[in-house]
C-alpha atoms as a PDB file:
ATOM      1  CA  MET A   1     -13.258  15.534   0.905  1.00  0.00           C
ATOM      2  CA  ILE A   2     -11.112  12.899   2.597  1.00  0.00           C
ATOM      3  CA  LYS A   3     -12.800  10.044   4.371  1.00  0.00           C
ATOM      4  CA  LYS A   4     -10.884   8.184   7.035  1.00  0.00           C
ATOM      5  CA  LEU A   5     -12.059   4.702   7.826  1.00  0.00           C
ATOM      6  CA  LEU A   6     -10.798   3.199  11.047  1.00  0.00           C
ATOM      7  CA  ILE A   7     -11.792  -0.246  12.106  1.00  0.00           C
ATOM      8  CA  PRO A   8      -9.913  -0.790  15.366  1.00  0.00           C
ATOM      9  CA  ALA A   9     -12.417  -3.271  16.807  1.00  0.00           C
ATOM     10  CA  VAL A  10     -12.086  -5.579  13.801  1.00  0.00           C
ATOM     11  CA  ALA A  11      -8.314  -5.230  13.890  1.00  0.00           C
ATOM     12  CA  ALA A  12      -8.216  -6.041  17.594  1.00  0.00           C
ATOM     13  CA  LEU A  13     -10.442  -9.102  17.121  1.00  0.00           C
ATOM     14  CA  ALA A  14      -8.301 -10.359  14.230  1.00  0.00           C
ATOM     15  CA  LEU A  15      -5.135  -9.832  16.281  1.00  0.00           C
ATOM     16  CA  PHE A  16      -6.660 -11.610  19.286  1.00  0.00           C
ATOM     17  CA  ALA A  17      -7.789 -14.526  17.103  1.00  0.00           C
ATOM     18  CA  SER A  18      -4.288 -14.969  15.695  1.00  0.00           C
ATOM     19  CA  CYS A  19      -2.688 -15.120  19.156  1.00  0.00           C
ATOM     20  CA  GLY A  20      -3.990 -18.618  19.861  1.00  0.00           C
ATOM     21  CA  SER A  21      -3.375 -20.027  16.396  1.00  0.00           C
ATOM     22  CA  ASN A  22      -0.748 -22.678  15.768  1.00  0.00           C
ATOM     23  CA  ASN A  23      -1.322 -22.493  12.020  1.00  0.00           C
ATOM     24  CA  SER A  24       1.216 -20.053  10.552  1.00  0.00           C
ATOM     25  CA  ASN A  25      -0.831 -19.632   7.345  1.00  0.00           C
ATOM     26  CA  ASN A  26      -3.890 -18.529   9.344  1.00  0.00           C
ATOM     27  CA  ALA A  27      -1.781 -16.185  11.452  1.00  0.00           C
ATOM     28  CA  ALA A  28      -0.223 -14.649   8.327  1.00  0.00           C
ATOM     29  CA  ALA A  29      -3.643 -14.185   6.714  1.00  0.00           C
ATOM     30  CA  GLU A  30      -5.059 -12.652   9.893  1.00  0.00           C
ATOM     31  CA  THR A  31      -2.043 -10.344  10.218  1.00  0.00           C
ATOM     32  CA  LYS A  32      -2.601  -9.217   6.601  1.00  0.00           C
ATOM     33  CA  SER A  33      -6.261  -8.653   7.419  1.00  0.00           C
ATOM     34  CA  VAL A  34      -5.298  -6.477  10.398  1.00  0.00           C
ATOM     35  CA  ALA A  35      -2.956  -4.423   8.226  1.00  0.00           C
ATOM     36  CA  ASP A  36      -5.650  -4.014   5.568  1.00  0.00           C
ATOM     37  CA  THR A  37      -8.315  -2.818   8.015  1.00  0.00           C
ATOM     38  CA  VAL A  38      -6.435  -0.602  10.451  1.00  0.00           C
ATOM     39  CA  ALA A  39      -6.693   2.663   8.513  1.00  0.00           C
ATOM     40  CA  VAL A  40      -7.628   3.518   4.959  1.00  0.00           C
ATOM     41  CA  GLU A  41      -7.787   7.068   3.649  1.00  0.00           C
ATOM     42  CA  ALA A  42      -9.906   7.550   0.562  1.00  0.00           C
ATOM     43  CA  ASP A  43     -10.438  10.568  -1.656  1.00  0.00           C
ATOM     44  CA  SER A  44     -13.907  11.763  -2.644  1.00  0.00           C
ATOM     45  CA  VAL A  45     -14.251   9.092  -5.358  1.00  0.00           C
ATOM     46  CA  GLY A  46     -12.854   6.213  -3.315  1.00  0.00           C
ATOM     47  CA  TYR A  47      -9.207   6.074  -4.421  1.00  0.00           C
ATOM     48  CA  ILE A  48      -6.731   5.178  -1.671  1.00  0.00           C
ATOM     49  CA  VAL A  49      -3.708   5.766  -3.911  1.00  0.00           C
ATOM     50  CA  LYS A  50      -2.542   9.230  -4.892  1.00  0.00           C
ATOM     51  CA  LEU A  51      -0.820  10.823  -7.867  1.00  0.00           C
ATOM     52  CA  GLY A  52       2.927  10.300  -7.543  1.00  0.00           C
ATOM     53  CA  ASP A  53       2.566   7.078  -5.512  1.00  0.00           C
ATOM     54  CA  VAL A  54       4.331   3.987  -6.750  1.00  0.00           C
ATOM     55  CA  ALA A  55       1.500   1.817  -8.054  1.00  0.00           C
ATOM     56  CA  PRO A  56       0.778  -1.069  -5.668  1.00  0.00           C
ATOM     57  CA  ASP A  57       2.207  -4.274  -7.072  1.00  0.00           C
ATOM     58  CA  PHE A  58       0.110  -7.328  -7.856  1.00  0.00           C
ATOM     59  CA  THR A  59       0.115 -10.462  -9.970  1.00  0.00           C
ATOM     60  CA  CYS A  60      -2.952 -11.166 -12.075  1.00  0.00           C
ATOM     61  CA  THR A  61      -4.096 -13.969 -14.323  1.00  0.00           C
ATOM     62  CA  LEU A  62      -5.313 -13.016 -17.791  1.00  0.00           C
ATOM     63  CA  THR A  63      -8.261 -14.767 -19.415  1.00  0.00           C
ATOM     64  CA  ASP A  64      -5.809 -16.833 -21.489  1.00  0.00           C
ATOM     65  CA  GLY A  65      -4.179 -18.155 -18.288  1.00  0.00           C
ATOM     66  CA  LYS A  66      -1.007 -16.054 -18.564  1.00  0.00           C
ATOM     67  CA  GLU A  67       0.190 -14.411 -15.340  1.00  0.00           C
ATOM     68  CA  VAL A  68       1.325 -10.786 -15.321  1.00  0.00           C
ATOM     69  CA  LYS A  69       3.108  -9.021 -12.468  1.00  0.00           C
ATOM     70  CA  LEU A  70       2.760  -5.238 -12.530  1.00  0.00           C
ATOM     71  CA  SER A  71       6.338  -4.592 -11.375  1.00  0.00           C
ATOM     72  CA  ASP A  72       7.596  -6.677 -14.319  1.00  0.00           C
ATOM     73  CA  LEU A  73       6.140  -3.988 -16.602  1.00  0.00           C
ATOM     74  CA  ARG A  74       8.501  -1.259 -15.303  1.00  0.00           C
ATOM     75  CA  GLY A  75       9.949   0.659 -18.230  1.00  0.00           C
ATOM     76  CA  LYS A  76       6.526   0.721 -19.925  1.00  0.00           C
ATOM     77  CA  VAL A  77       3.615   3.106 -19.725  1.00  0.00           C
ATOM     78  CA  VAL A  78       0.846   1.028 -18.139  1.00  0.00           C
ATOM     79  CA  MET A  79      -2.892   1.641 -18.090  1.00  0.00           C
ATOM     80  CA  LEU A  80      -5.067  -0.321 -15.693  1.00  0.00           C
ATOM     81  CA  GLN A  81      -8.811  -0.301 -16.327  1.00  0.00           C
ATOM     82  CA  PHE A  82     -10.979  -1.581 -13.473  1.00  0.00           C
ATOM     83  CA  THR A  83     -14.190  -2.989 -14.918  1.00  0.00           C
ATOM     84  CA  ALA A  84     -16.965  -5.595 -14.649  1.00  0.00           C
ATOM     85  CA  SER A  85     -19.665  -6.952 -16.957  1.00  0.00           C
ATOM     86  CA  TRP A  86     -22.502  -5.594 -14.801  1.00  0.00           C
ATOM     87  CA  CYS A  87     -21.181  -2.014 -15.068  1.00  0.00           C
ATOM     88  CA  GLY A  88     -23.098  -0.014 -17.692  1.00  0.00           C
ATOM     89  CA  VAL A  89     -20.576   2.848 -17.675  1.00  0.00           C
ATOM     90  CA  CYS A  90     -17.760   0.328 -18.252  1.00  0.00           C
ATOM     91  CA  ARG A  91     -19.620  -1.038 -21.286  1.00  0.00           C
ATOM     92  CA  LYS A  92     -19.930   2.516 -22.620  1.00  0.00           C
ATOM     93  CA  GLU A  93     -16.242   3.332 -22.054  1.00  0.00           C
ATOM     94  CA  MET A  94     -14.581   0.112 -23.212  1.00  0.00           C
ATOM     95  CA  PRO A  95     -15.126   0.560 -26.975  1.00  0.00           C
ATOM     96  CA  PHE A  96     -13.414   3.964 -26.673  1.00  0.00           C
ATOM     97  CA  ILE A  97     -10.485   2.402 -24.813  1.00  0.00           C
ATOM     98  CA  GLU A  98     -10.288  -0.214 -27.579  1.00  0.00           C
ATOM     99  CA  LYS A  99     -10.431   2.318 -30.436  1.00  0.00           C
ATOM    100  CA  ASP A 100      -8.631   5.380 -29.050  1.00  0.00           C
ATOM    101  CA  ILE A 101      -5.960   3.726 -26.895  1.00  0.00           C
ATOM    102  CA  TRP A 102      -5.489  -0.001 -27.542  1.00  0.00           C
ATOM    103  CA  GLN A 103      -5.670  -0.013 -31.348  1.00  0.00           C
ATOM    104  CA  LYS A 104      -3.358   3.015 -31.476  1.00  0.00           C
ATOM    105  CA  HIS A 105      -0.675   1.662 -29.102  1.00  0.00           C
ATOM    106  CA  LYS A 106      -1.030  -2.131 -28.947  1.00  0.00           C
ATOM    107  CA  ASP A 107       2.084  -2.664 -31.082  1.00  0.00           C
ATOM    108  CA  ASN A 108       4.209  -0.261 -29.026  1.00  0.00           C
ATOM    109  CA  ALA A 109       6.621  -2.293 -26.874  1.00  0.00           C
ATOM    110  CA  ASN A 110       6.634   0.574 -24.349  1.00  0.00           C
ATOM    111  CA  PHE A 111       2.906   0.296 -23.591  1.00  0.00           C
ATOM    112  CA  ALA A 112       0.733  -2.158 -21.660  1.00  0.00           C
ATOM    113  CA  LEU A 113      -3.016  -2.082 -21.044  1.00  0.00           C
ATOM    114  CA  ILE A 114      -4.796  -4.467 -18.711  1.00  0.00           C
ATOM    115  CA  GLY A 115      -8.502  -4.485 -18.008  1.00  0.00           C
ATOM    116  CA  ILE A 116      -8.980  -5.883 -14.510  1.00  0.00           C
ATOM    117  CA  ASP A 117     -12.408  -7.483 -14.149  1.00  0.00           C
ATOM    118  CA  ARG A 118     -13.802  -7.216 -10.663  1.00  0.00           C
ATOM    119  CA  ASP A 119     -14.692 -10.549  -9.085  1.00  0.00           C
ATOM    120  CA  GLU A 120     -16.210 -12.457 -12.011  1.00  0.00           C
ATOM    121  CA  PRO A 121     -15.426 -15.936 -13.389  1.00  0.00           C
ATOM    122  CA  VAL A 122     -13.409 -16.328 -16.578  1.00  0.00           C
ATOM    123  CA  GLU A 123     -16.449 -17.430 -18.627  1.00  0.00           C
ATOM    124  CA  THR A 124     -18.267 -14.193 -17.767  1.00  0.00           C
ATOM    125  CA  VAL A 125     -15.192 -12.094 -18.557  1.00  0.00           C
ATOM    126  CA  LEU A 126     -14.690 -13.780 -21.942  1.00  0.00           C
ATOM    127  CA  LYS A 127     -18.332 -13.176 -22.865  1.00  0.00           C
ATOM    128  CA  PHE A 128     -17.998  -9.571 -21.648  1.00  0.00           C
ATOM    129  CA  ALA A 129     -15.000  -9.014 -23.956  1.00  0.00           C
ATOM    130  CA  GLU A 130     -16.935 -10.486 -26.859  1.00  0.00           C
ATOM    131  CA  THR A 131     -20.050  -8.367 -26.304  1.00  0.00           C
ATOM    132  CA  THR A 132     -18.070  -5.130 -25.868  1.00  0.00           C
ATOM    133  CA  GLY A 133     -15.773  -5.896 -28.802  1.00  0.00           C
ATOM    134  CA  VAL A 134     -12.551  -5.368 -26.866  1.00  0.00           C
ATOM    135  CA  THR A 135      -9.359  -7.188 -27.738  1.00  0.00           C
ATOM    136  CA  TYR A 136      -7.078  -5.775 -25.060  1.00  0.00           C
ATOM    137  CA  PRO A 137      -6.009  -8.149 -22.274  1.00  0.00           C
ATOM    138  CA  LEU A 138      -8.486  -8.721 -19.457  1.00  0.00           C
ATOM    139  CA  ALA A 139      -7.441 -10.097 -16.083  1.00  0.00           C
ATOM    140  CA  LEU A 140      -9.379 -11.735 -13.287  1.00  0.00           C
ATOM    141  CA  ASP A 141      -9.630 -10.124  -9.851  1.00  0.00           C
ATOM    142  CA  PRO A 142     -11.218 -12.676  -7.503  1.00  0.00           C
ATOM    143  CA  GLY A 143     -12.589 -10.999  -4.402  1.00  0.00           C
ATOM    144  CA  ALA A 144     -11.636  -7.579  -5.857  1.00  0.00           C
ATOM    145  CA  ASP A 145      -8.285  -7.907  -4.056  1.00  0.00           C
ATOM    146  CA  ILE A 146      -6.344  -6.045  -6.766  1.00  0.00           C
ATOM    147  CA  PHE A 147      -8.992  -3.331  -6.879  1.00  0.00           C
ATOM    148  CA  ALA A 148      -8.720  -2.952  -3.082  1.00  0.00           C
ATOM    149  CA  LYS A 149      -5.044  -1.983  -3.453  1.00  0.00           C
ATOM    150  CA  TYR A 150      -6.163   1.116  -5.394  1.00  0.00           C
ATOM    151  CA  ALA A 151      -9.609   2.040  -4.047  1.00  0.00           C
ATOM    152  CA  VAL A 152     -11.930   1.264  -1.175  1.00  0.00           C
ATOM    153  CA  ARG A 153     -13.104  -2.287  -1.856  1.00  0.00           C
ATOM    154  CA  ASP A 154     -16.793  -1.385  -2.233  1.00  0.00           C
ATOM    155  CA  ALA A 155     -16.163   1.791  -4.271  1.00  0.00           C
ATOM    156  CA  GLY A 156     -17.593   1.946  -7.779  1.00  0.00           C
ATOM    157  CA  ILE A 157     -16.081   1.338 -11.162  1.00  0.00           C
ATOM    158  CA  THR A 158     -15.151   2.156 -14.014  1.00  0.00           C
ATOM    159  CA  ARG A 159     -11.700   3.475 -13.097  1.00  0.00           C
ATOM    160  CA  ASN A 160      -8.494   3.965 -15.042  1.00  0.00           C
ATOM    161  CA  VAL A 161      -5.046   4.278 -13.500  1.00  0.00           C
ATOM    162  CA  LEU A 162      -2.157   5.466 -15.678  1.00  0.00           C
ATOM    163  CA  ILE A 163       1.335   4.503 -14.552  1.00  0.00           C
ATOM    164  CA  ASP A 164       4.600   5.919 -15.899  1.00  0.00           C
ATOM    165  CA  LYS A 165       7.744   4.002 -16.848  1.00  0.00           C
ATOM    166  CA  GLU A 166       9.101   4.338 -13.289  1.00  0.00           C
ATOM    167  CA  GLY A 167       5.974   2.727 -11.847  1.00  0.00           C
ATOM    168  CA  LYS A 168       4.407   5.938 -10.483  1.00  0.00           C
ATOM    169  CA  ILE A 169       0.753   6.870 -10.836  1.00  0.00           C
ATOM    170  CA  VAL A 170       0.378   9.893 -13.118  1.00  0.00           C
ATOM    171  CA  MET A 171      -3.392   9.967 -13.752  1.00  0.00           C
ATOM    172  CA  MET A 172      -6.564   8.437 -12.332  1.00  0.00           C
ATOM    173  CA  THR A 173     -10.075   8.638 -13.746  1.00  0.00           C
ATOM    174  CA  ARG A 174     -13.483   7.665 -12.422  1.00  0.00           C
ATOM    175  CA  LEU A 175     -16.575   6.974 -14.532  1.00  0.00           C
ATOM    176  CA  TYR A 176     -16.611   7.936 -18.198  1.00  0.00           C
ATOM    177  CA  LYS A 177     -16.465  11.648 -18.897  1.00  0.00           C
ATOM    178  CA  GLU A 178     -15.550  12.639 -22.461  1.00  0.00           C
ATOM    179  CA  ASP A 179     -13.216  15.491 -21.471  1.00  0.00           C
ATOM    180  CA  GLU A 180     -11.425  13.416 -18.837  1.00  0.00           C
ATOM    181  CA  PHE A 181     -11.107  10.487 -21.249  1.00  0.00           C
ATOM    182  CA  ALA A 182      -9.687  12.823 -23.935  1.00  0.00           C
ATOM    183  CA  SER A 183      -7.098  14.006 -21.373  1.00  0.00           C
ATOM    184  CA  LEU A 184      -6.197  10.373 -20.641  1.00  0.00           C
ATOM    185  CA  VAL A 185      -5.730   9.632 -24.362  1.00  0.00           C
ATOM    186  CA  GLN A 186      -3.605  12.772 -24.776  1.00  0.00           C
ATOM    187  CA  LYS A 187      -1.464  11.915 -21.714  1.00  0.00           C
ATOM    188  CA  ILE A 188      -0.766   8.405 -23.053  1.00  0.00           C
ATOM    189  CA  ASP A 189       0.100   9.801 -26.498  1.00  0.00           C
ATOM    190  CA  GLU A 190       2.539  12.294 -24.918  1.00  0.00           C
ATOM    191  CA  MET A 191       4.164   9.683 -22.677  1.00  0.00           C
ATOM    192  CA  LEU A 192       4.750   7.371 -25.645  1.00  0.00           C
ATOM    193  CA  LYS A 193       6.360   9.980 -27.944  1.00  0.00           C
END
């Protein structure tokens, strides 16, 4: 089922508020807000991106302070895992991502995996990595702004988005289901042959 969320009143208020502003930064932020809230179509599990779409670009900061821009990873198979320490299903899935995907492909120059932690401080994310035993890179997502490029901002996690070498989305998962996860592992293996 497709849900269509329209928020014209909010958009109109944001547009009206920006009309009287002399501050170009505020006007730009309000214009972005209008664009973000005008219309969002989500699938039954909250994704607003679709298979075959070019993955929305973003820059994230990893827990070690390094910045990564998604579009700079073109030419690689990329897996994004949306997660958070408070998510029990994420905690269940992450050791499998570590063992069945990261440990198998971490030395492959044609592969990148980034866990994107939803709106938590770096200290929490570092402790989360330690308690789950994952060694793959984790990035910070303040305000869930990266997440909101892929799914409705208040939609649930865990989610995995698989992106091909051309930057297109080829698979999306939601929650942890053994058969779906096995398909994800198989798809990554095939893409990296």
